[in-house]
Amino acid sequence: MSVEPARIWHLPRLLGILWQATRGMGPVARARHEDVCALGGLIWRRKVLVWRAGGRLRGFLARDGVRLHALYVCPGWRGQGAGAALLASAQSESARLELFTATDNCGAQRFYGRHGFQVLRSGVGQGNDEGIADLFMAWERPQL
């Protein structure tokens, strides 16, 4: 199991992980070709980390600066440490991370809370493409 930078040839697998996790779970704000362009651009700019296990990519994290845009893990691999490993890698590279998560995504809220994120405010969709109620969460590296 390893965390490494994504390469452009990983794009089809990462799109599969993204679509498996997001399609059928509420409104979809972007067409598939827009996902291809957005994720491809982040990979090209070296903003995506992947988690590999069993010889295959099983999860990814996309961030740009302090903003965490996406963290997705294949359903069969959740609870195996992928999300924690990806997030720990991002936290080691930044003194602060921020994200939005849907208010009804209790699993994500618990996960990020276990990793030191705090809810700073709630909103009505400013932080997501779907326009659904969300929470703005942030993590800061503890001062020594």
C-alpha atoms as a PDB file:
ATOM      1  CA  MET A   1       0.000   0.000   0.000  1.00  0.00           C
ATOM      2  CA  SER A   2       1.396   3.353  -0.992  1.00  0.00           C
ATOM      3  CA  VAL A   3       0.551   7.003  -1.590  1.00  0.00           C
ATOM      4  CA  GLU A   4       2.055   8.601  -4.689  1.00  0.00           C
ATOM      5  CA  PRO A   5       1.386  11.462  -7.107  1.00  0.00           C
ATOM      6  CA  ALA A   6      -1.209  10.736  -9.769  1.00  0.00           C
ATOM      7  CA  ARG A   7      -0.113  10.510 -13.389  1.00  0.00           C
ATOM      8  CA  ILE A   8      -2.254  11.489 -16.353  1.00  0.00           C
ATOM      9  CA  TRP A   9      -2.620   7.836 -17.399  1.00  0.00           C
ATOM     10  CA  HIS A  10      -4.365   7.228 -14.034  1.00  0.00           C
ATOM     11  CA  LEU A  11      -7.253   9.474 -15.144  1.00  0.00           C
ATOM     12  CA  PRO A  12      -9.631   6.722 -16.388  1.00  0.00           C
ATOM     13  CA  ARG A  13      -9.289   4.737 -13.139  1.00  0.00           C
ATOM     14  CA  LEU A  14      -9.733   7.843 -10.982  1.00  0.00           C
ATOM     15  CA  LEU A  15     -12.832   8.853 -12.938  1.00  0.00           C
ATOM     16  CA  GLY A  16     -14.217   5.371 -12.320  1.00  0.00           C
ATOM     17  CA  ILE A  17     -13.655   5.794  -8.576  1.00  0.00           C
ATOM     18  CA  LEU A  18     -15.225   9.266  -8.635  1.00  0.00           C
ATOM     19  CA  TRP A  19     -18.282   8.202 -10.605  1.00  0.00           C
ATOM     20  CA  GLN A  20     -18.791   5.064  -8.570  1.00  0.00           C
ATOM     21  CA  ALA A  21     -18.839   7.186  -5.419  1.00  0.00           C
ATOM     22  CA  THR A  22     -20.937  10.111  -6.640  1.00  0.00           C
ATOM     23  CA  ARG A  23     -23.421   8.958  -9.243  1.00  0.00           C
ATOM     24  CA  GLY A  24     -26.808   8.000  -7.865  1.00  0.00           C
ATOM     25  CA  MET A  25     -26.264   9.860  -4.586  1.00  0.00           C
ATOM     26  CA  GLY A  26     -28.166  13.053  -5.299  1.00  0.00           C
ATOM     27  CA  PRO A  27     -27.997  15.823  -7.869  1.00  0.00           C
ATOM     28  CA  VAL A  28     -25.166  15.767 -10.391  1.00  0.00           C
ATOM     29  CA  ALA A  29     -24.024  19.251 -11.292  1.00  0.00           C
ATOM     30  CA  ARG A  30     -21.426  18.397 -13.932  1.00  0.00           C
ATOM     31  CA  ALA A  31     -21.473  16.339 -17.090  1.00  0.00           C
ATOM     32  CA  ARG A  32     -18.901  13.567 -17.345  1.00  0.00           C
ATOM     33  CA  HIS A  33     -16.745  15.510 -19.800  1.00  0.00           C
ATOM     34  CA  GLU A  34     -16.512  18.335 -17.242  1.00  0.00           C
ATOM     35  CA  ASP A  35     -15.276  15.826 -14.626  1.00  0.00           C
ATOM     36  CA  VAL A  36     -12.675  14.623 -17.141  1.00  0.00           C
ATOM     37  CA  CYS A  37     -11.426  18.174 -17.715  1.00  0.00           C
ATOM     38  CA  ALA A  38     -11.459  19.162 -14.033  1.00  0.00           C
ATOM     39  CA  LEU A  39      -9.731  16.037 -12.704  1.00  0.00           C
ATOM     40  CA  GLY A  40      -7.354  15.885 -15.663  1.00  0.00           C
ATOM     41  CA  GLY A  41      -6.334  19.496 -15.028  1.00  0.00           C
ATOM     42  CA  LEU A  42      -5.649  18.799 -11.356  1.00  0.00           C
ATOM     43  CA  ILE A  43      -3.553  15.755 -12.259  1.00  0.00           C
ATOM     44  CA  TRP A  44      -1.642  17.747 -14.869  1.00  0.00           C
ATOM     45  CA  ARG A  45      -0.866  20.411 -12.237  1.00  0.00           C
ATOM     46  CA  ARG A  46       0.253  17.661  -9.802  1.00  0.00           C
ATOM     47  CA  LYS A  47      -2.567  18.316  -7.312  1.00  0.00           C
ATOM     48  CA  VAL A  48      -3.753  14.687  -6.986  1.00  0.00           C
ATOM     49  CA  LEU A  49      -2.432  11.866  -4.808  1.00  0.00           C
ATOM     50  CA  VAL A  50      -3.392   8.226  -5.296  1.00  0.00           C
ATOM     51  CA  TRP A  51      -3.488   5.279  -2.903  1.00  0.00           C
ATOM     52  CA  ARG A  52      -2.446   1.966  -4.367  1.00  0.00           C
ATOM     53  CA  ALA A  53      -3.159  -1.450  -2.856  1.00  0.00           C
ATOM     54  CA  GLY A  54      -3.161  -4.899  -4.372  1.00  0.00           C
ATOM     55  CA  GLY A  55      -1.417  -3.478  -7.444  1.00  0.00           C
ATOM     56  CA  ARG A  56      -4.311  -1.130  -8.316  1.00  0.00           C
ATOM     57  CA  LEU A  57      -5.366   2.414  -7.580  1.00  0.00           C
ATOM     58  CA  ARG A  58      -8.012   2.252  -4.859  1.00  0.00           C
ATOM     59  CA  GLY A  59      -8.462   5.899  -3.865  1.00  0.00           C
ATOM     60  CA  PHE A  60      -7.414   9.481  -4.514  1.00  0.00           C
ATOM     61  CA  LEU A  61      -7.219  12.913  -2.955  1.00  0.00           C
ATOM     62  CA  ALA A  62      -7.318  16.150  -4.979  1.00  0.00           C
ATOM     63  CA  ARG A  63      -6.323  19.475  -3.472  1.00  0.00           C
ATOM     64  CA  ASP A  64      -5.172  22.844  -4.686  1.00  0.00           C
ATOM     65  CA  GLY A  65      -3.294  24.801  -2.047  1.00  0.00           C
ATOM     66  CA  VAL A  66      -5.194  24.534   1.218  1.00  0.00           C
ATOM     67  CA  ARG A  67      -8.499  23.532  -0.462  1.00  0.00           C
ATOM     68  CA  LEU A  68      -9.298  19.831  -0.435  1.00  0.00           C
ATOM     69  CA  HIS A  69     -11.523  19.225  -3.469  1.00  0.00           C
ATOM     70  CA  ALA A  70     -12.022  15.473  -3.355  1.00  0.00           C
ATOM     71  CA  LEU A  71     -11.205  12.372  -1.347  1.00  0.00           C
ATOM     72  CA  TYR A  72     -12.693   9.153  -2.709  1.00  0.00           C
ATOM     73  CA  VAL A  73     -11.963   5.492  -2.023  1.00  0.00           C
ATOM     74  CA  CYS A  74     -13.364   2.435  -3.834  1.00  0.00           C
ATOM     75  CA  PRO A  75     -16.306   1.131  -1.793  1.00  0.00           C
ATOM     76  CA  GLY A  76     -14.727  -2.268  -1.143  1.00  0.00           C
ATOM     77  CA  TRP A  77     -11.584  -0.605   0.194  1.00  0.00           C
ATOM     78  CA  ARG A  78     -13.159   1.857   2.634  1.00  0.00           C
ATOM     79  CA  GLY A  79     -12.045   1.332   6.215  1.00  0.00           C
ATOM     80  CA  GLN A  80      -8.682  -0.069   5.071  1.00  0.00           C
ATOM     81  CA  GLY A  81      -6.653   3.094   5.769  1.00  0.00           C
ATOM     82  CA  ALA A  82      -6.709   4.644   2.296  1.00  0.00           C
ATOM     83  CA  GLY A  83      -8.454   7.866   3.295  1.00  0.00           C
ATOM     84  CA  ALA A  84      -6.312   8.245   6.414  1.00  0.00           C
ATOM     85  CA  ALA A  85      -3.097   7.687   4.423  1.00  0.00           C
ATOM     86  CA  LEU A  86      -4.084  10.170   1.720  1.00  0.00           C
ATOM     87  CA  LEU A  87      -5.159  12.774   4.255  1.00  0.00           C
ATOM     88  CA  ALA A  88      -1.998  12.294   6.371  1.00  0.00           C
ATOM     89  CA  SER A  89       0.105  12.890   3.267  1.00  0.00           C
ATOM     90  CA  ALA A  90      -1.765  16.118   2.502  1.00  0.00           C
ATOM     91  CA  GLN A  91      -1.499  17.229   6.136  1.00  0.00           C
ATOM     92  CA  SER A  92       2.269  16.626   6.092  1.00  0.00           C
ATOM     93  CA  GLU A  93       2.575  19.050   3.156  1.00  0.00           C
ATOM     94  CA  SER A  94       0.403  21.865   4.481  1.00  0.00           C
ATOM     95  CA  ALA A  95      -0.101  23.768   7.724  1.00  0.00           C
ATOM     96  CA  ARG A  96      -3.818  24.192   6.952  1.00  0.00           C
ATOM     97  CA  LEU A  97      -6.452  22.341   4.949  1.00  0.00           C
ATOM     98  CA  GLU A  98     -10.033  23.399   4.204  1.00  0.00           C
ATOM     99  CA  LEU A  99     -12.998  21.615   2.667  1.00  0.00           C
ATOM    100  CA  PHE A 100     -16.730  21.626   2.186  1.00  0.00           C
ATOM    101  CA  THR A 101     -18.866  18.560   2.860  1.00  0.00           C
ATOM    102  CA  ALA A 102     -22.602  18.062   2.538  1.00  0.00           C
ATOM    103  CA  THR A 103     -24.511  18.481   5.786  1.00  0.00           C
ATOM    104  CA  ASP A 104     -26.093  15.065   5.298  1.00  0.00           C
ATOM    105  CA  ASN A 105     -22.722  13.323   4.763  1.00  0.00           C
ATOM    106  CA  CYS A 106     -22.280  12.232   8.372  1.00  0.00           C
ATOM    107  CA  GLY A 107     -19.630   9.655   7.469  1.00  0.00           C
ATOM    108  CA  ALA A 108     -17.379  12.327   5.958  1.00  0.00           C
ATOM    109  CA  GLN A 109     -17.952  14.624   8.934  1.00  0.00           C
ATOM    110  CA  ARG A 110     -16.929  11.861  11.376  1.00  0.00           C
ATOM    111  CA  PHE A 111     -13.898  10.942   9.264  1.00  0.00           C
ATOM    112  CA  TYR A 112     -12.615  14.505   9.035  1.00  0.00           C
ATOM    113  CA  GLY A 113     -13.409  15.140  12.710  1.00  0.00           C
ATOM    114  CA  ARG A 114     -11.243  12.140  13.681  1.00  0.00           C
ATOM    115  CA  HIS A 115      -8.432  13.751  11.714  1.00  0.00           C
ATOM    116  CA  GLY A 116      -8.623  17.104  13.479  1.00  0.00           C
ATOM    117  CA  PHE A 117     -10.997  19.071  11.246  1.00  0.00           C
ATOM    118  CA  GLN A 118     -13.428  21.474  12.886  1.00  0.00           C
ATOM    119  CA  VAL A 119     -16.700  22.802  11.477  1.00  0.00           C
ATOM    120  CA  LEU A 120     -16.306  26.555  11.041  1.00  0.00           C
ATOM    121  CA  ARG A 121     -19.640  27.404   9.428  1.00  0.00           C
ATOM    122  CA  SER A 122     -22.608  26.005   7.584  1.00  0.00           C
ATOM    123  CA  GLY A 123     -23.824  27.217   4.234  1.00  0.00           C
ATOM    124  CA  VAL A 124     -26.448  26.778   1.591  1.00  0.00           C
ATOM    125  CA  GLY A 125     -24.336  25.408  -1.219  1.00  0.00           C
ATOM    126  CA  GLN A 126     -21.539  27.925  -1.712  1.00  0.00           C
ATOM    127  CA  GLY A 127     -18.921  25.180  -1.445  1.00  0.00           C
ATOM    128  CA  ASN A 128     -20.294  22.655  -3.932  1.00  0.00           C
ATOM    129  CA  ASP A 129     -21.424  22.469  -7.518  1.00  0.00           C
ATOM    130  CA  GLU A 130     -24.794  20.942  -6.627  1.00  0.00           C
ATOM    131  CA  GLY A 131     -25.962  23.875  -4.486  1.00  0.00           C
ATOM    132  CA  ILE A 132     -26.834  21.637  -1.509  1.00  0.00           C
ATOM    133  CA  ALA A 133     -26.458  22.579   2.160  1.00  0.00           C
ATOM    134  CA  ASP A 134     -22.863  22.170   3.275  1.00  0.00           C
ATOM    135  CA  LEU A 135     -20.395  22.583   6.099  1.00  0.00           C
ATOM    136  CA  PHE A 136     -17.059  24.365   5.825  1.00  0.00           C
ATOM    137  CA  MET A 137     -14.409  22.483   7.794  1.00  0.00           C
ATOM    138  CA  ALA A 138     -10.744  23.264   8.423  1.00  0.00           C
ATOM    139  CA  TRP A 139      -7.688  21.664   9.965  1.00  0.00           C
ATOM    140  CA  GLU A 140      -4.576  23.460  11.204  1.00  0.00           C
ATOM    141  CA  ARG A 141      -1.324  21.871  12.205  1.00  0.00           C
ATOM    142  CA  PRO A 142      -0.948  22.193  15.970  1.00  0.00           C
ATOM    143  CA  GLN A 143       1.599  24.741  17.125  1.00  0.00           C
ATOM    144  CA  LEU A 144       4.604  23.279  18.914  1.00  0.00           C
END
